Amino acid sequence: MTSEEFRASLTADAPPQGLGALLQALWWDEKGDWARAHGLVDELETQDGMAVHAYLHRKEGAEGNANYWYDRAGRAHRREALSDEWQALVEALLARQI
C-alpha cells in the first residue's frame, strides 16, 4: 500500500484489512478518533509504537507526555507541523509494513 492509497482509504468507515496496530492508530487519528488511536498504542513498547504514541500526545496538547515518548522513541519522526509528522510516520510504517 502506498501513502496515497492509505490516505484514500480514509473515506471508508474502517481501516483496510491487514494494517498493523500502528497504522490503524494513525488511520483512526486522522478520522478524528484520538481515543481509539491512543488505545492501539498505549501498551506498545517498540520504538515505532513510542513514536506514534508521542505524536498522539503532542496532537492532544500534552507536551510533557509527548516529550517523554519522543525521548523513548529517539525522536526520529518529529516534525514542525503535525500533518508532516503524521505523513512521515505513515510513510515509514508502510515502507516496513508495520
C-alpha atoms as a PDB file:
ATOM      1  CA  MET A   1       0.000   0.000   0.000  1.00  0.00           C
ATOM      2  CA  THR A   2       1.248   3.489  -0.807  1.00  0.00           C
ATOM      3  CA  SER A   3       0.738   6.548   1.372  1.00  0.00           C
ATOM      4  CA  GLU A   4      -1.680   7.845  -1.275  1.00  0.00           C
ATOM      5  CA  GLU A   5      -3.736   4.650  -1.051  1.00  0.00           C
ATOM      6  CA  PHE A   6      -3.622   4.874   2.739  1.00  0.00           C
ATOM      7  CA  ARG A   7      -4.908   8.454   2.635  1.00  0.00           C
ATOM      8  CA  ALA A   8      -7.616   7.494   0.115  1.00  0.00           C
ATOM      9  CA  SER A   9      -8.796   4.744   2.491  1.00  0.00           C
ATOM     10  CA  LEU A  10      -9.818   7.428   4.991  1.00  0.00           C
ATOM     11  CA  THR A  11     -13.144   7.756   3.173  1.00  0.00           C
ATOM     12  CA  ALA A  12     -14.111   4.291   4.451  1.00  0.00           C
ATOM     13  CA  ASP A  13     -15.746   3.511   7.789  1.00  0.00           C
ATOM     14  CA  ALA A  14     -12.954   1.197   8.935  1.00  0.00           C
ATOM     15  CA  PRO A  15      -9.252   0.858   8.183  1.00  0.00           C
ATOM     16  CA  PRO A  16      -8.154  -1.517   5.424  1.00  0.00           C
ATOM     17  CA  GLN A  17      -7.738  -5.136   6.426  1.00  0.00           C
ATOM     18  CA  GLY A  18      -4.225  -6.242   7.227  1.00  0.00           C
ATOM     19  CA  LEU A  19      -2.943  -2.990   8.734  1.00  0.00           C
ATOM     20  CA  GLY A  20      -0.882  -3.333  11.884  1.00  0.00           C
ATOM     21  CA  ALA A  21      -1.843  -1.542  15.085  1.00  0.00           C
ATOM     22  CA  LEU A  22       0.362   1.487  14.419  1.00  0.00           C
ATOM     23  CA  LEU A  23      -1.079   2.228  11.005  1.00  0.00           C
ATOM     24  CA  GLN A  24      -4.563   1.600  12.351  1.00  0.00           C
ATOM     25  CA  ALA A  25      -3.846   4.127  15.103  1.00  0.00           C
ATOM     26  CA  LEU A  26      -2.774   6.758  12.578  1.00  0.00           C
ATOM     27  CA  TRP A  27      -5.819   5.932  10.463  1.00  0.00           C
ATOM     28  CA  TRP A  28      -8.214   6.408  13.410  1.00  0.00           C
ATOM     29  CA  ASP A  29      -6.401   9.551  14.476  1.00  0.00           C
ATOM     30  CA  GLU A  30      -6.850  11.093  11.035  1.00  0.00           C
ATOM     31  CA  LYS A  31     -10.539  10.140  11.192  1.00  0.00           C
ATOM     32  CA  GLY A  32     -10.817  12.156  14.424  1.00  0.00           C
ATOM     33  CA  ASP A  33     -10.950   9.274  16.915  1.00  0.00           C
ATOM     34  CA  TRP A  34      -7.961  10.119  19.108  1.00  0.00           C
ATOM     35  CA  ALA A  35      -9.067   7.829  21.954  1.00  0.00           C
ATOM     36  CA  ARG A  36      -9.305   4.797  19.697  1.00  0.00           C
ATOM     37  CA  ALA A  37      -5.921   5.633  18.163  1.00  0.00           C
ATOM     38  CA  HIS A  38      -4.333   6.010  21.593  1.00  0.00           C
ATOM     39  CA  GLY A  39      -5.825   2.735  22.766  1.00  0.00           C
ATOM     40  CA  LEU A  40      -3.996   0.928  19.979  1.00  0.00           C
ATOM     41  CA  VAL A  41      -0.563   2.236  21.006  1.00  0.00           C
ATOM     42  CA  ASP A  42      -0.876   2.732  24.757  1.00  0.00           C
ATOM     43  CA  GLU A  43       0.838  -0.534  25.653  1.00  0.00           C
ATOM     44  CA  LEU A  44       3.292  -0.801  22.739  1.00  0.00           C
ATOM     45  CA  GLU A  45       6.936  -0.648  23.792  1.00  0.00           C
ATOM     46  CA  THR A  46       8.571  -0.654  20.345  1.00  0.00           C
ATOM     47  CA  GLN A  47      10.410   2.395  19.037  1.00  0.00           C
ATOM     48  CA  ASP A  48       7.781   2.863  16.321  1.00  0.00           C
ATOM     49  CA  GLY A  49       4.980   2.426  18.845  1.00  0.00           C
ATOM     50  CA  MET A  50       6.516   5.044  21.103  1.00  0.00           C
ATOM     51  CA  ALA A  51       6.906   7.433  18.140  1.00  0.00           C
ATOM     52  CA  VAL A  52       3.198   7.158  17.285  1.00  0.00           C
ATOM     53  CA  HIS A  53       2.344   7.459  20.982  1.00  0.00           C
ATOM     54  CA  ALA A  54       4.436  10.647  21.191  1.00  0.00           C
ATOM     55  CA  TYR A  55       2.744  12.118  18.124  1.00  0.00           C
ATOM     56  CA  LEU A  56      -0.700  11.412  19.576  1.00  0.00           C
ATOM     57  CA  HIS A  57       0.123  13.124  22.870  1.00  0.00           C
ATOM     58  CA  ARG A  58       1.596  16.089  21.027  1.00  0.00           C
ATOM     59  CA  LYS A  59      -1.590  16.359  18.985  1.00  0.00           C
ATOM     60  CA  GLU A  60      -3.591  16.123  22.204  1.00  0.00           C
ATOM     61  CA  GLY A  61      -1.638  19.095  23.552  1.00  0.00           C
ATOM     62  CA  ALA A  62       0.088  17.138  26.324  1.00  0.00           C
ATOM     63  CA  GLU A  63       3.631  18.354  25.553  1.00  0.00           C
ATOM     64  CA  GLY A  64       5.232  16.875  28.680  1.00  0.00           C
ATOM     65  CA  ASN A  65       3.809  13.435  27.995  1.00  0.00           C
ATOM     66  CA  ALA A  66       4.681  13.757  24.308  1.00  0.00           C
ATOM     67  CA  ASN A  67       8.279  14.674  25.128  1.00  0.00           C
ATOM     68  CA  TYR A  68       8.584  11.622  27.386  1.00  0.00           C
ATOM     69  CA  TRP A  69       7.529   9.359  24.497  1.00  0.00           C
ATOM     70  CA  TYR A  70       9.667  11.241  21.958  1.00  0.00           C
ATOM     71  CA  ASP A  71      12.692  10.680  24.207  1.00  0.00           C
ATOM     72  CA  ARG A  72      11.915   6.971  24.435  1.00  0.00           C
ATOM     73  CA  ALA A  73      11.376   6.764  20.663  1.00  0.00           C
ATOM     74  CA  GLY A  74      14.561   8.621  19.807  1.00  0.00           C
ATOM     75  CA  ARG A  75      12.568  11.496  18.218  1.00  0.00           C
ATOM     76  CA  ALA A  76      13.087  10.057  14.721  1.00  0.00           C
ATOM     77  CA  HIS A  77       9.761  11.234  13.270  1.00  0.00           C
ATOM     78  CA  ARG A  78       9.070  14.560  14.979  1.00  0.00           C
ATOM     79  CA  ARG A  79       8.313  17.350  12.502  1.00  0.00           C
ATOM     80  CA  GLU A  80       7.388  21.016  12.910  1.00  0.00           C
ATOM     81  CA  ALA A  81       3.830  20.541  11.619  1.00  0.00           C
ATOM     82  CA  LEU A  82       1.650  17.731  12.949  1.00  0.00           C
ATOM     83  CA  SER A  83       0.465  16.931   9.428  1.00  0.00           C
ATOM     84  CA  ASP A  84       4.074  16.476   8.284  1.00  0.00           C
ATOM     85  CA  GLU A  85       4.790  14.226  11.249  1.00  0.00           C
ATOM     86  CA  TRP A  86       1.693  12.122  10.534  1.00  0.00           C
ATOM     87  CA  GLN A  87       2.823  11.741   6.915  1.00  0.00           C
ATOM     88  CA  ALA A  88       6.377  10.787   7.933  1.00  0.00           C
ATOM     89  CA  LEU A  89       5.072   8.159  10.329  1.00  0.00           C
ATOM     90  CA  VAL A  90       2.683   6.702   7.742  1.00  0.00           C
ATOM     91  CA  GLU A  91       5.404   6.531   5.076  1.00  0.00           C
ATOM     92  CA  ALA A  92       7.935   4.926   7.430  1.00  0.00           C
ATOM     93  CA  LEU A  93       5.456   2.351   8.709  1.00  0.00           C
ATOM     94  CA  LEU A  94       4.161   1.498   5.239  1.00  0.00           C
ATOM     95  CA  ALA A  95       7.736   1.061   3.998  1.00  0.00           C
ATOM     96  CA  ARG A  96       8.252  -1.575   6.695  1.00  0.00           C
ATOM     97  CA  GLN A  97       4.619  -2.812   6.613  1.00  0.00           C
ATOM     98  CA  ILE A  98       4.168  -2.365  10.368  1.00  0.00           C
END
